[in-house]
Amino acid sequence: MPLSRASTESLAALWRGRSLRAGLLLPVGGLFFAVSFLRRLAFRRGWLKSERLPAPVVVVGNIVVGGAGKTPLTLWLARRLLELGRRPGIVSRGYGRDGAGVRAVGA
């Protein structure tokens, strides 16, 4: 769904920092920066552990909700990996899913 001209201009002004909303969001941005910094520090110091998986992992997500092209990109990537002789798997929680239970789908 494309944005209206007014919405686009409003977002551009927010991005450039020339609006009241941008000023109000500044503390939120600072908080996000601080939490992100502390999280990275915790991983580097070993306070939080990451898990090594037996296969390479590519995450296609955290881009935008809806309309960003994540599904076509994922399908293209899987096809390309198949062409290269790899055996890709796609894991999806699914839109609006609460994560309970597992369902395997073969192609």
PDB file of N, CA and C in Angstrom:
ATOM      1  N   MET A   1       0.845  -1.166   0.000  1.00  0.00           N
ATOM      2  CA  MET A   1       0.000   0.000   0.000  1.00  0.00           C
ATOM      3  C   MET A   1       0.897   1.237   0.000  1.00  0.00           C
ATOM      4  N   PRO A   2       0.865   2.034  -1.062  1.00  0.00           N
ATOM      5  CA  PRO A   2       1.714   3.221  -1.120  1.00  0.00           C
ATOM      6  C   PRO A   2       1.248   4.295  -0.144  1.00  0.00           C
ATOM      7  N   LEU A   3       2.213   5.062   0.325  1.00  0.00           N
ATOM      8  CA  LEU A   3       1.906   6.158   1.239  1.00  0.00           C
ATOM      9  C   LEU A   3       1.376   7.353   0.464  1.00  0.00           C
ATOM     10  N   SER A   4       0.518   8.122   1.111  1.00  0.00           N
ATOM     11  CA  SER A   4       0.035   9.351   0.487  1.00  0.00           C
ATOM     12  C   SER A   4       1.165  10.373   0.461  1.00  0.00           C
ATOM     13  N   ARG A   5       1.000  11.397  -0.345  1.00  0.00           N
ATOM     14  CA  ARG A   5       2.016  12.449  -0.445  1.00  0.00           C
ATOM     15  C   ARG A   5       2.228  13.117   0.910  1.00  0.00           C
ATOM     16  N   ALA A   6       1.136  13.369   1.639  1.00  0.00           N
ATOM     17  CA  ALA A   6       1.246  14.009   2.956  1.00  0.00           C
ATOM     18  C   ALA A   6       2.020  13.119   3.925  1.00  0.00           C
ATOM     19  N   SER A   7       1.744  11.812   3.883  1.00  0.00           N
ATOM     20  CA  SER A   7       2.457  10.885   4.765  1.00  0.00           C
ATOM     21  C   SER A   7       3.935  10.830   4.414  1.00  0.00           C
ATOM     22  N   THR A   8       4.232  10.817   3.125  1.00  0.00           N
ATOM     23  CA  THR A   8       5.622  10.782   2.680  1.00  0.00           C
ATOM     24  C   THR A   8       6.364  12.029   3.134  1.00  0.00           C
ATOM     25  N   GLU A   9       5.736  13.188   2.963  1.00  0.00           N
ATOM     26  CA  GLU A   9       6.369  14.444   3.382  1.00  0.00           C
ATOM     27  C   GLU A   9       6.548  14.486   4.894  1.00  0.00           C
ATOM     28  N   SER A  10       5.566  13.972   5.630  1.00  0.00           N
ATOM     29  CA  SER A  10       5.650  13.938   7.089  1.00  0.00           C
ATOM     30  C   SER A  10       6.802  13.044   7.546  1.00  0.00           C
ATOM     31  N   LEU A  11       6.931  11.875   6.908  1.00  0.00           N
ATOM     32  CA  LEU A  11       8.028  10.968   7.261  1.00  0.00           C
ATOM     33  C   LEU A  11       9.381  11.568   6.900  1.00  0.00           C
ATOM     34  N   ALA A  12       9.450  12.250   5.761  1.00  0.00           N
ATOM     35  CA  ALA A  12      10.709  12.884   5.361  1.00  0.00           C
ATOM     36  C   ALA A  12      11.103  13.973   6.358  1.00  0.00           C
ATOM     37  N   ALA A  13      10.131  14.763   6.813  1.00  0.00           N
ATOM     38  CA  ALA A  13      10.416  15.808   7.803  1.00  0.00           C
ATOM     39  C   ALA A  13      10.872  15.181   9.117  1.00  0.00           C
ATOM     40  N   LEU A  14      10.239  14.085   9.499  1.00  0.00           N
ATOM     41  CA  LEU A  14      10.627  13.384  10.723  1.00  0.00           C
ATOM     42  C   LEU A  14      12.056  12.866  10.591  1.00  0.00           C
ATOM     43  N   TRP A  15      12.381  12.303   9.432  1.00  0.00           N
ATOM     44  CA  TRP A  15      13.717  11.762   9.202  1.00  0.00           C
ATOM     45  C   TRP A  15      14.778  12.855   9.267  1.00  0.00           C
ATOM     46  N   ARG A  16      14.464  14.013   8.710  1.00  0.00           N
ATOM     47  CA  ARG A  16      15.420  15.121   8.706  1.00  0.00           C
ATOM     48  C   ARG A  16      15.484  15.835  10.052  1.00  0.00           C
ATOM     49  N   GLY A  17      14.583  15.490  10.966  1.00  0.00           N
ATOM     50  CA  GLY A  17      14.615  16.091  12.295  1.00  0.00           C
ATOM     51  C   GLY A  17      14.002  17.473  12.364  1.00  0.00           C
ATOM     52  N   ARG A  18      13.105  17.777  11.450  1.00  0.00           N
ATOM     53  CA  ARG A  18      12.501  19.103  11.401  1.00  0.00           C
ATOM     54  C   ARG A  18      11.032  19.077  11.804  1.00  0.00           C
ATOM     55  N   SER A  19      10.731  18.403  12.875  1.00  0.00           N
ATOM     56  CA  SER A  19       9.346  18.381  13.333  1.00  0.00           C
ATOM     57  C   SER A  19       9.320  18.206  14.843  1.00  0.00           C
ATOM     58  N   LEU A  20       8.183  18.511  15.417  1.00  0.00           N
ATOM     59  CA  LEU A  20       8.006  18.334  16.859  1.00  0.00           C
ATOM     60  C   LEU A  20       8.148  16.856  17.226  1.00  0.00           C
ATOM     61  N   ARG A  21       7.588  15.982  16.378  1.00  0.00           N
ATOM     62  CA  ARG A  21       7.683  14.537  16.653  1.00  0.00           C
ATOM     63  C   ARG A  21       9.130  14.068  16.691  1.00  0.00           C
ATOM     64  N   ALA A  22       9.958  14.620  15.797  1.00  0.00           N
ATOM     65  CA  ALA A  22      11.375  14.230  15.790  1.00  0.00           C
ATOM     66  C   ALA A  22      12.021  14.597  17.113  1.00  0.00           C
ATOM     67  N   GLY A  23      11.711  15.773  17.605  1.00  0.00           N
ATOM     68  CA  GLY A  23      12.259  16.192  18.897  1.00  0.00           C
ATOM     69  C   GLY A  23      11.773  15.319  20.031  1.00  0.00           C
ATOM     70  N   LEU A  24      10.511  14.915  19.969  1.00  0.00           N
ATOM     71  CA  LEU A  24       9.956  14.060  21.018  1.00  0.00           C
ATOM     72  C   LEU A  24      10.535  12.647  20.959  1.00  0.00           C
ATOM     73  N   LEU A  25      10.932  12.213  19.766  1.00  0.00           N
ATOM     74  CA  LEU A  25      11.492  10.865  19.617  1.00  0.00           C
ATOM     75  C   LEU A  25      12.978  10.798  19.948  1.00  0.00           C
ATOM     76  N   LEU A  26      13.619  11.929  20.095  1.00  0.00           N
ATOM     77  CA  LEU A  26      15.054  11.945  20.388  1.00  0.00           C
ATOM     78  C   LEU A  26      15.405  11.155  21.650  1.00  0.00           C
ATOM     79  N   PRO A  27      14.689  11.330  22.769  1.00  0.00           N
ATOM     80  CA  PRO A  27      15.011  10.522  23.954  1.00  0.00           C
ATOM     81  C   PRO A  27      14.806   9.019  23.721  1.00  0.00           C
ATOM     82  N   VAL A  28      13.807   8.667  22.926  1.00  0.00           N
ATOM     83  CA  VAL A  28      13.568   7.254  22.624  1.00  0.00           C
ATOM     84  C   VAL A  28      14.748   6.693  21.830  1.00  0.00           C
ATOM     85  N   GLY A  29      15.254   7.483  20.886  1.00  0.00           N
ATOM     86  CA  GLY A  29      16.421   7.064  20.116  1.00  0.00           C
ATOM     87  C   GLY A  29      17.638   6.875  21.003  1.00  0.00           C
ATOM     88  N   GLY A  30      17.815   7.783  21.964  1.00  0.00           N
ATOM     89  CA  GLY A  30      18.933   7.655  22.898  1.00  0.00           C
ATOM     90  C   GLY A  30      18.817   6.407  23.753  1.00  0.00           C
ATOM     91  N   LEU A  31      17.605   6.112  24.205  1.00  0.00           N
ATOM     92  CA  LEU A  31      17.368   4.906  25.002  1.00  0.00           C
ATOM     93  C   LEU A  31      17.656   3.654  24.170  1.00  0.00           C
ATOM     94  N   PHE A  32      17.194   3.644  22.923  1.00  0.00           N
ATOM     95  CA  PHE A  32      17.447   2.506  22.042  1.00  0.00           C
ATOM     96  C   PHE A  32      18.949   2.307  21.842  1.00  0.00           C
ATOM     97  N   PHE A  33      19.672   3.407  21.627  1.00  0.00           N
ATOM     98  CA  PHE A  33      21.123   3.331  21.452  1.00  0.00           C
ATOM     99  C   PHE A  33      21.780   2.727  22.691  1.00  0.00           C
ATOM    100  N   ALA A  34      21.374   3.201  23.877  1.00  0.00           N
ATOM    101  CA  ALA A  34      21.980   2.720  25.124  1.00  0.00           C
ATOM    102  C   ALA A  34      21.719   1.227  25.332  1.00  0.00           C
ATOM    103  N   VAL A  35      20.482   0.803  25.108  1.00  0.00           N
ATOM    104  CA  VAL A  35      20.138  -0.615  25.289  1.00  0.00           C
ATOM    105  C   VAL A  35      20.903  -1.472  24.279  1.00  0.00           C
ATOM    106  N   SER A  36      20.975  -1.020  23.026  1.00  0.00           N
ATOM    107  CA  SER A  36      21.714  -1.769  21.998  1.00  0.00           C
ATOM    108  C   SER A  36      23.194  -1.875  22.355  1.00  0.00           C
ATOM    109  N   PHE A  37      23.769  -0.772  22.830  1.00  0.00           N
ATOM    110  CA  PHE A  37      25.175  -0.764  23.216  1.00  0.00           C
ATOM    111  C   PHE A  37      25.427  -1.755  24.348  1.00  0.00           C
ATOM    112  N   LEU A  38      24.571  -1.730  25.366  1.00  0.00           N
ATOM    113  CA  LEU A  38      24.737  -2.634  26.508  1.00  0.00           C
ATOM    114  C   LEU A  38      24.562  -4.097  26.097  1.00  0.00           C
ATOM    115  N   ARG A  39      23.636  -4.355  25.181  1.00  0.00           N
ATOM    116  CA  ARG A  39      23.425  -5.724  24.709  1.00  0.00           C
ATOM    117  C   ARG A  39      24.663  -6.231  23.965  1.00  0.00           C
ATOM    118  N   ARG A  40      25.214  -5.399  23.059  1.00  0.00           N
ATOM    119  CA  ARG A  40      26.440  -5.799  22.354  1.00  0.00           C
ATOM    120  C   ARG A  40      27.582  -6.038  23.330  1.00  0.00           C
ATOM    121  N   LEU A  41      27.704  -5.170  24.326  1.00  0.00           N
ATOM    122  CA  LEU A  41      28.752  -5.310  25.335  1.00  0.00           C
ATOM    123  C   LEU A  41      28.593  -6.630  26.096  1.00  0.00           C
ATOM    124  N   ALA A  42      27.352  -6.971  26.438  1.00  0.00           N
ATOM    125  CA  ALA A  42      27.092  -8.208  27.176  1.00  0.00           C
ATOM    126  C   ALA A  42      27.506  -9.435  26.361  1.00  0.00           C
ATOM    127  N   PHE A  43      27.269  -9.420  25.051  1.00  0.00           N
ATOM    128  CA  PHE A  43      27.701 -10.539  24.209  1.00  0.00           C
ATOM    129  C   PHE A  43      29.221 -10.583  24.114  1.00  0.00           C
ATOM    130  N   ARG A  44      29.851  -9.426  23.943  1.00  0.00           N
ATOM    131  CA  ARG A  44      31.318  -9.392  23.826  1.00  0.00           C
ATOM    132  C   ARG A  44      32.007  -9.856  25.100  1.00  0.00           C
ATOM    133  N   ARG A  45      31.461  -9.516  26.236  1.00  0.00           N
ATOM    134  CA  ARG A  45      32.062  -9.901  27.520  1.00  0.00           C
ATOM    135  C   ARG A  45      31.692 -11.319  27.945  1.00  0.00           C
ATOM    136  N   GLY A  46      30.763 -11.941  27.243  1.00  0.00           N
ATOM    137  CA  GLY A  46      30.370 -13.299  27.575  1.00  0.00           C
ATOM    138  C   GLY A  46      29.268 -13.384  28.615  1.00  0.00           C
ATOM    139  N   TRP A  47      28.676 -12.256  28.974  1.00  0.00           N
ATOM    140  CA  TRP A  47      27.572 -12.274  29.943  1.00  0.00           C
ATOM    141  C   TRP A  47      26.317 -12.867  29.309  1.00  0.00           C
ATOM    142  N   LEU A  48      26.152 -12.638  28.014  1.00  0.00           N
ATOM    143  CA  LEU A  48      25.087 -13.276  27.243  1.00  0.00           C
ATOM    144  C   LEU A  48      25.765 -14.201  26.244  1.00  0.00           C
ATOM    145  N   LYS A  49      25.189 -15.351  26.024  1.00  0.00           N
ATOM    146  CA  LYS A  49      25.793 -16.342  25.132  1.00  0.00           C
ATOM    147  C   LYS A  49      25.004 -16.425  23.830  1.00  0.00           C
ATOM    148  N   SER A  50      25.730 -16.559  22.731  1.00  0.00           N
ATOM    149  CA  SER A  50      25.083 -16.849  21.460  1.00  0.00           C
ATOM    150  C   SER A  50      25.259 -18.337  21.193  1.00  0.00           C
ATOM    151  N   GLU A  51      24.431 -18.870  20.336  1.00  0.00           N
ATOM    152  CA  GLU A  51      24.471 -20.301  20.059  1.00  0.00           C
ATOM    153  C   GLU A  51      25.021 -20.541  18.663  1.00  0.00           C
ATOM    154  N   ARG A  52      25.996 -21.421  18.560  1.00  0.00           N
ATOM    155  CA  ARG A  52      26.551 -21.806  17.261  1.00  0.00           C
ATOM    156  C   ARG A  52      25.661 -22.891  16.662  1.00  0.00           C
ATOM    157  N   LEU A  53      25.277 -22.699  15.424  1.00  0.00           N
ATOM    158  CA  LEU A  53      24.447 -23.681  14.738  1.00  0.00           C
ATOM    159  C   LEU A  53      25.305 -24.469  13.754  1.00  0.00           C
ATOM    160  N   PRO A  54      24.896 -25.692  13.429  1.00  0.00           N
ATOM    161  CA  PRO A  54      25.712 -26.532  12.553  1.00  0.00           C
ATOM    162  C   PRO A  54      25.628 -26.146  11.074  1.00  0.00           C
ATOM    163  N   ALA A  55      24.862 -25.128  10.738  1.00  0.00           N
ATOM    164  CA  ALA A  55      24.726 -24.708   9.345  1.00  0.00           C
ATOM    165  C   ALA A  55      24.669 -23.184   9.283  1.00  0.00           C
ATOM    166  N   PRO A  56      25.065 -22.615   8.148  1.00  0.00           N
ATOM    167  CA  PRO A  56      24.947 -21.161   8.007  1.00  0.00           C
ATOM    168  C   PRO A  56      23.484 -20.733   8.081  1.00  0.00           C
ATOM    169  N   VAL A  57      23.246 -19.559   8.618  1.00  0.00           N
ATOM    170  CA  VAL A  57      21.885 -19.038   8.769  1.00  0.00           C
ATOM    171  C   VAL A  57      21.814 -17.660   8.121  1.00  0.00           C
ATOM    172  N   VAL A  58      20.785 -17.456   7.307  1.00  0.00           N
ATOM    173  CA  VAL A  58      20.507 -16.148   6.720  1.00  0.00           C
ATOM    174  C   VAL A  58      19.134 -15.730   7.216  1.00  0.00           C
ATOM    175  N   VAL A  59      19.036 -14.544   7.784  1.00  0.00           N
ATOM    176  CA  VAL A  59      17.760 -14.039   8.290  1.00  0.00           C
ATOM    177  C   VAL A  59      17.244 -12.982   7.328  1.00  0.00           C
ATOM    178  N   VAL A  60      16.026 -13.170   6.842  1.00  0.00           N
ATOM    179  CA  VAL A  60      15.366 -12.165   6.009  1.00  0.00           C
ATOM    180  C   VAL A  60      14.203 -11.656   6.845  1.00  0.00           C
ATOM    181  N   GLY A  61      14.395 -10.523   7.456  1.00  0.00           N
ATOM    182  CA  GLY A  61      13.354  -9.988   8.323  1.00  0.00           C
ATOM    183  C   GLY A  61      13.787  -8.692   8.947  1.00  0.00           C
ATOM    184  N   ASN A  62      12.960  -8.190   9.832  1.00  0.00           N
ATOM    185  CA  ASN A  62      13.212  -6.919  10.509  1.00  0.00           C
ATOM    186  C   ASN A  62      13.405  -5.787   9.521  1.00  0.00           C
ATOM    187  N   ILE A  63      12.835  -5.924   8.340  1.00  0.00           N
ATOM    188  CA  ILE A  63      12.943  -4.858   7.348  1.00  0.00           C
ATOM    189  C   ILE A  63      11.739  -3.938   7.519  1.00  0.00           C
ATOM    190  N   VAL A  64      10.590  -4.411   7.175  1.00  0.00           N
ATOM    191  CA  VAL A  64       9.340  -3.655   7.244  1.00  0.00           C
ATOM    192  C   VAL A  64       8.231  -4.691   7.317  1.00  0.00           C
ATOM    193  N   VAL A  65       7.130  -4.335   7.950  1.00  0.00           N
ATOM    194  CA  VAL A  65       5.982  -5.234   7.989  1.00  0.00           C
ATOM    195  C   VAL A  65       5.190  -5.048   6.705  1.00  0.00           C
ATOM    196  N   GLY A  66       5.114  -6.065   5.890  1.00  0.00           N
ATOM    197  CA  GLY A  66       4.286  -6.043   4.690  1.00  0.00           C
ATOM    198  C   GLY A  66       4.821  -5.192   3.552  1.00  0.00           C
ATOM    199  N   GLY A  67       4.892  -5.795   2.387  1.00  0.00           N
ATOM    200  CA  GLY A  67       5.198  -5.052   1.182  1.00  0.00           C
ATOM    201  C   GLY A  67       6.653  -4.711   0.948  1.00  0.00           C
ATOM    202  N   ALA A  68       7.561  -5.250   1.747  1.00  0.00           N
ATOM    203  CA  ALA A  68       8.981  -4.929   1.570  1.00  0.00           C
ATOM    204  C   ALA A  68       9.675  -5.913   0.635  1.00  0.00           C
ATOM    205  N   GLY A  69       8.989  -6.995   0.276  1.00  0.00           N
ATOM    206  CA  GLY A  69       9.582  -7.971  -0.635  1.00  0.00           C
ATOM    207  C   GLY A  69      10.346  -9.085   0.050  1.00  0.00           C
ATOM    208  N   LYS A  70      10.054  -9.334   1.336  1.00  0.00           N
ATOM    209  CA  LYS A  70      10.774 -10.385   2.062  1.00  0.00           C
ATOM    210  C   LYS A  70      10.483 -11.772   1.484  1.00  0.00           C
ATOM    211  N   THR A  71       9.216 -12.062   1.174  1.00  0.00           N
ATOM    212  CA  THR A  71       8.862 -13.382   0.649  1.00  0.00           C
ATOM    213  C   THR A  71       9.490 -13.627  -0.718  1.00  0.00           C
ATOM    214  N   PRO A  72       9.374 -12.708  -1.680  1.00  0.00           N
ATOM    215  CA  PRO A  72      10.045 -12.944  -2.961  1.00  0.00           C
ATOM    216  C   PRO A  72      11.561 -13.082  -2.816  1.00  0.00           C
ATOM    217  N   LEU A  73      12.167 -12.296  -1.938  1.00  0.00           N
ATOM    218  CA  LEU A  73      13.611 -12.404  -1.716  1.00  0.00           C
ATOM    219  C   LEU A  73      13.963 -13.777  -1.152  1.00  0.00           C
ATOM    220  N   THR A  74      13.180 -14.252  -0.193  1.00  0.00           N
ATOM    221  CA  THR A  74      13.424 -15.557   0.416  1.00  0.00           C
ATOM    222  C   THR A  74      13.303 -16.670  -0.622  1.00  0.00           C
ATOM    223  N   LEU A  75      12.271 -16.607  -1.460  1.00  0.00           N
ATOM    224  CA  LEU A  75      12.086 -17.627  -2.493  1.00  0.00           C
ATOM    225  C   LEU A  75      13.213 -17.581  -3.521  1.00  0.00           C
ATOM    226  N   TRP A  76      13.619 -16.385  -3.931  1.00  0.00           N
ATOM    227  CA  TRP A  76      14.731 -16.253  -4.875  1.00  0.00           C
ATOM    228  C   TRP A  76      16.005 -16.837  -4.274  1.00  0.00           C
ATOM    229  N   LEU A  77      16.270 -16.495  -3.023  1.00  0.00           N
ATOM    230  CA  LEU A  77      17.478 -16.968  -2.350  1.00  0.00           C
ATOM    231  C   LEU A  77      17.484 -18.497  -2.246  1.00  0.00           C
ATOM    232  N   ALA A  78      16.335 -19.080  -1.903  1.00  0.00           N
ATOM    233  CA  ALA A  78      16.249 -20.545  -1.803  1.00  0.00           C
ATOM    234  C   ALA A  78      16.496 -21.193  -3.163  1.00  0.00           C
ATOM    235  N   ARG A  79      15.897 -20.634  -4.222  1.00  0.00           N
ATOM    236  CA  ARG A  79      16.115 -21.191  -5.569  1.00  0.00           C
ATOM    237  C   ARG A  79      17.583 -21.082  -5.978  1.00  0.00           C
ATOM    238  N   ARG A  80      18.175 -19.948  -5.692  1.00  0.00           N
ATOM    239  CA  ARG A  80      19.588 -19.731  -6.051  1.00  0.00           C
ATOM    240  C   ARG A  80      20.489 -20.720  -5.307  1.00  0.00           C
ATOM    241  N   LEU A  81      20.213 -20.922  -4.023  1.00  0.00           N
ATOM    242  CA  LEU A  81      21.006 -21.878  -3.251  1.00  0.00           C
ATOM    243  C   LEU A  81      20.842 -23.294  -3.793  1.00  0.00           C
ATOM    244  N   LEU A  82      19.619 -23.651  -4.218  1.00  0.00           N
ATOM    245  CA  LEU A  82      19.399 -24.961  -4.841  1.00  0.00           C
ATOM    246  C   LEU A  82      20.222 -25.094  -6.119  1.00  0.00           C
ATOM    247  N   GLU A  83      20.243 -24.023  -6.935  1.00  0.00           N
ATOM    248  CA  GLU A  83      21.045 -24.036  -8.165  1.00  0.00           C
ATOM    249  C   GLU A  83      22.526 -24.250  -7.866  1.00  0.00           C
ATOM    250  N   LEU A  84      22.974 -23.766  -6.722  1.00  0.00           N
ATOM    251  CA  LEU A  84      24.376 -23.896  -6.328  1.00  0.00           C
ATOM    252  C   LEU A  84      24.663 -25.220  -5.617  1.00  0.00           C
ATOM    253  N   GLY A  85      23.649 -26.100  -5.575  1.00  0.00           N
ATOM    254  CA  GLY A  85      23.849 -27.410  -4.972  1.00  0.00           C
ATOM    255  C   GLY A  85      23.657 -27.446  -3.465  1.00  0.00           C
ATOM    256  N   ARG A  86      23.144 -26.398  -2.899  1.00  0.00           N
ATOM    257  CA  ARG A  86      22.887 -26.355  -1.453  1.00  0.00           C
ATOM    258  C   ARG A  86      21.503 -26.921  -1.163  1.00  0.00           C
ATOM    259  N   ARG A  87      21.228 -27.156   0.103  1.00  0.00           N
ATOM    260  CA  ARG A  87      19.918 -27.660   0.524  1.00  0.00           C
ATOM    261  C   ARG A  87      19.316 -26.683   1.528  1.00  0.00           C
ATOM    262  N   PRO A  88      18.723 -25.591   1.048  1.00  0.00           N
ATOM    263  CA  PRO A  88      18.205 -24.578   1.975  1.00  0.00           C
ATOM    264  C   PRO A  88      16.927 -25.038   2.668  1.00  0.00           C
ATOM    265  N   GLY A  89      16.718 -24.521   3.838  1.00  0.00           N
ATOM    266  CA  GLY A  89      15.476 -24.721   4.565  1.00  0.00           C
ATOM    267  C   GLY A  89      14.939 -23.352   4.933  1.00  0.00           C
ATOM    268  N   ILE A  90      13.634 -23.224   4.950  1.00  0.00           N
ATOM    269  CA  ILE A  90      13.012 -21.947   5.308  1.00  0.00           C
ATOM    270  C   ILE A  90      12.219 -22.159   6.583  1.00  0.00           C
ATOM    271  N   VAL A  91      12.502 -21.346   7.572  1.00  0.00           N
ATOM    272  CA  VAL A  91      11.780 -21.396   8.838  1.00  0.00           C
ATOM    273  C   VAL A  91      10.981 -20.110   8.944  1.00  0.00           C
ATOM    274  N   SER A  92       9.677 -20.244   9.138  1.00  0.00           N
ATOM    275  CA  SER A  92       8.818 -19.071   9.240  1.00  0.00           C
ATOM    276  C   SER A  92       7.851 -19.253  10.392  1.00  0.00           C
ATOM    277  N   ARG A  93       7.775 -18.250  11.227  1.00  0.00           N
ATOM    278  CA  ARG A  93       6.800 -18.304  12.303  1.00  0.00           C
ATOM    279  C   ARG A  93       5.406 -18.113  11.735  1.00  0.00           C
ATOM    280  N   GLY A  94       5.302 -17.356  10.672  1.00  0.00           N
ATOM    281  CA  GLY A  94       4.010 -17.106  10.045  1.00  0.00           C
ATOM    282  C   GLY A  94       3.368 -15.850  10.579  1.00  0.00           C
ATOM    283  N   TYR A  95       2.640 -15.174   9.740  1.00  0.00           N
ATOM    284  CA  TYR A  95       2.013 -13.913  10.112  1.00  0.00           C
ATOM    285  C   TYR A  95       0.998 -14.116  11.237  1.00  0.00           C
ATOM    286  N   GLY A  96       1.155 -13.374  12.308  1.00  0.00           N
ATOM    287  CA  GLY A  96       0.200 -13.397  13.404  1.00  0.00           C
ATOM    288  C   GLY A  96       0.227 -14.657  14.248  1.00  0.00           C
ATOM    289  N   ARG A  97       1.196 -15.513  14.048  1.00  0.00           N
ATOM    290  CA  ARG A  97       1.256 -16.781  14.774  1.00  0.00           C
ATOM    291  C   ARG A  97       1.871 -16.584  16.146  1.00  0.00           C
ATOM    292  N   ASP A  98       1.396 -17.332  17.122  1.00  0.00           N
ATOM    293  CA  ASP A  98       1.916 -17.195  18.484  1.00  0.00           C
ATOM    294  C   ASP A  98       3.116 -18.100  18.756  1.00  0.00           C
ATOM    295  N   GLY A  99       3.487 -18.941  17.809  1.00  0.00           N
ATOM    296  CA  GLY A  99       4.672 -19.771  17.971  1.00  0.00           C
ATOM    297  C   GLY A  99       4.409 -21.122  18.609  1.00  0.00           C
ATOM    298  N   ALA A 100       3.176 -21.438  18.965  1.00  0.00           N
ATOM    299  CA  ALA A 100       2.875 -22.722  19.592  1.00  0.00           C
ATOM    300  C   ALA A 100       2.822 -23.815  18.530  1.00  0.00           C
ATOM    301  N   GLY A 101       3.506 -24.907  18.776  1.00  0.00           N
ATOM    302  CA  GLY A 101       3.481 -26.043  17.864  1.00  0.00           C
ATOM    303  C   GLY A 101       4.407 -25.859  16.681  1.00  0.00           C
ATOM    304  N   VAL A 102       4.677 -26.973  16.001  1.00  0.00           N
ATOM    305  CA  VAL A 102       5.568 -26.974  14.846  1.00  0.00           C
ATOM    306  C   VAL A 102       4.851 -27.669  13.700  1.00  0.00           C
ATOM    307  N   ARG A 103       4.994 -27.130  12.508  1.00  0.00           N
ATOM    308  CA  ARG A 103       4.403 -27.747  11.326  1.00  0.00           C
ATOM    309  C   ARG A 103       5.477 -27.810  10.250  1.00  0.00           C
ATOM    310  N   ALA A 104       5.772 -29.002   9.773  1.00  0.00           N
ATOM    311  CA  ALA A 104       6.767 -29.176   8.710  1.00  0.00           C
ATOM    312  C   ALA A 104       6.049 -29.249   7.372  1.00  0.00           C
ATOM    313  N   VAL A 105       6.579 -28.536   6.400  1.00  0.00           N
ATOM    314  CA  VAL A 105       6.018 -28.535   5.053  1.00  0.00           C
ATOM    315  C   VAL A 105       7.142 -28.858   4.095  1.00  0.00           C
ATOM    316  N   GLY A 106       6.971 -29.881   3.289  1.00  0.00           N
ATOM    317  CA  GLY A 106       7.992 -30.257   2.316  1.00  0.00           C
ATOM    318  C   GLY A 106       7.650 -29.717   0.943  1.00  0.00           C
ATOM    319  N   ALA A 107       8.688 -29.481   0.150  1.00  0.00           N
ATOM    320  CA  ALA A 107       8.448 -28.973  -1.207  1.00  0.00           C
ATOM    321  C   ALA A 107       8.982 -29.948  -2.226  1.00  0.00           C
TER     322      ALA A 107
END
